[in-house]
Amino acid sequence: MLDPKVVADEVMKGLEDGRFLILPHGEVPDHYAFRANDTDRWLRGMRRLHPRIDDVAAG
């Protein structure tokens, strides 16, 4: 997880640069491209990940 200040700084840089798509983490462009190129596989991965996120959130 990224610190909110880091994300805010990246968003501000993106706005200053006039970018439409602001991706605050270096790995996000790769994930974004993967999702676009193989959406079904990406969705399967998200379905597997969702319960783990719920477990972490529940403590």
Protein backbone atom coordinates (compact mmCIF):
# COMPACT_ATOMS: atom_id res chain seq x y z
CA MET A 1 0.00 0.00 0.00
CA LEU A 2 1.18 3.47 -0.77
CA ASP A 3 1.18 6.32 1.66
CA PRO A 4 -1.64 8.77 0.83
CA LYS A 5 0.86 11.64 0.62
CA VAL A 6 2.86 9.77 -2.03
CA VAL A 7 -0.31 9.18 -4.05
CA ALA A 8 -1.35 12.82 -3.67
CA ASP A 9 2.08 13.97 -4.86
CA GLU A 10 1.87 11.72 -7.91
CA VAL A 11 -1.64 12.97 -8.69
CA MET A 12 -0.47 16.57 -8.47
CA LYS A 13 2.46 15.82 -10.83
CA GLY A 14 0.08 14.14 -13.25
CA LEU A 15 -2.29 17.08 -13.20
CA GLU A 16 0.58 19.49 -13.76
CA ASP A 17 1.73 17.38 -16.73
CA GLY A 18 -1.82 17.30 -18.12
CA ARG A 19 -2.02 13.51 -17.99
CA PHE A 20 -5.43 11.89 -18.14
CA LEU A 21 -4.35 8.53 -16.69
CA ILE A 22 -2.39 8.99 -13.48
CA LEU A 23 -0.82 5.79 -12.18
CA PRO A 24 0.83 6.41 -8.80
CA HIS A 25 2.95 3.27 -8.53
CA GLY A 26 5.69 2.04 -10.86
CA GLU A 27 4.13 -1.40 -11.28
CA VAL A 28 0.65 -0.15 -12.09
CA PRO A 29 1.24 0.45 -15.83
CA ASP A 30 2.19 -3.23 -16.23
CA HIS A 31 -0.90 -4.37 -14.31
CA TYR A 32 -3.06 -2.00 -16.33
CA ALA A 33 -1.69 -3.39 -19.61
CA PHE A 34 -2.14 -6.99 -18.40
CA ARG A 35 -5.75 -6.27 -17.45
CA ALA A 36 -6.41 -4.79 -20.89
CA ASN A 37 -4.71 -7.64 -22.77
CA ASP A 38 -6.24 -10.59 -20.88
CA THR A 39 -9.28 -9.35 -18.99
CA ASP A 40 -10.67 -12.82 -18.22
CA ARG A 41 -7.41 -13.96 -16.62
CA TRP A 42 -7.16 -10.69 -14.68
CA LEU A 43 -10.71 -11.13 -13.36
CA ARG A 44 -9.92 -14.68 -12.22
CA GLY A 45 -6.92 -13.35 -10.33
CA MET A 46 -8.99 -10.62 -8.70
CA ARG A 47 -11.58 -13.20 -7.62
CA ARG A 48 -8.81 -15.20 -5.92
CA LEU A 49 -7.31 -12.09 -4.33
CA HIS A 50 -10.58 -10.67 -2.96
CA PRO A 51 -10.97 -13.14 -0.04
CA ARG A 52 -7.36 -12.49 1.03
CA ILE A 53 -8.01 -8.74 1.11
CA ASP A 54 -11.13 -9.34 3.21
CA ASP A 55 -9.11 -11.47 5.65
CA VAL A 56 -6.48 -8.75 6.06
CA ALA A 57 -9.13 -6.07 6.52
CA ALA A 58 -10.89 -8.15 9.18
CA GLY A 59 -7.64 -8.46 11.13
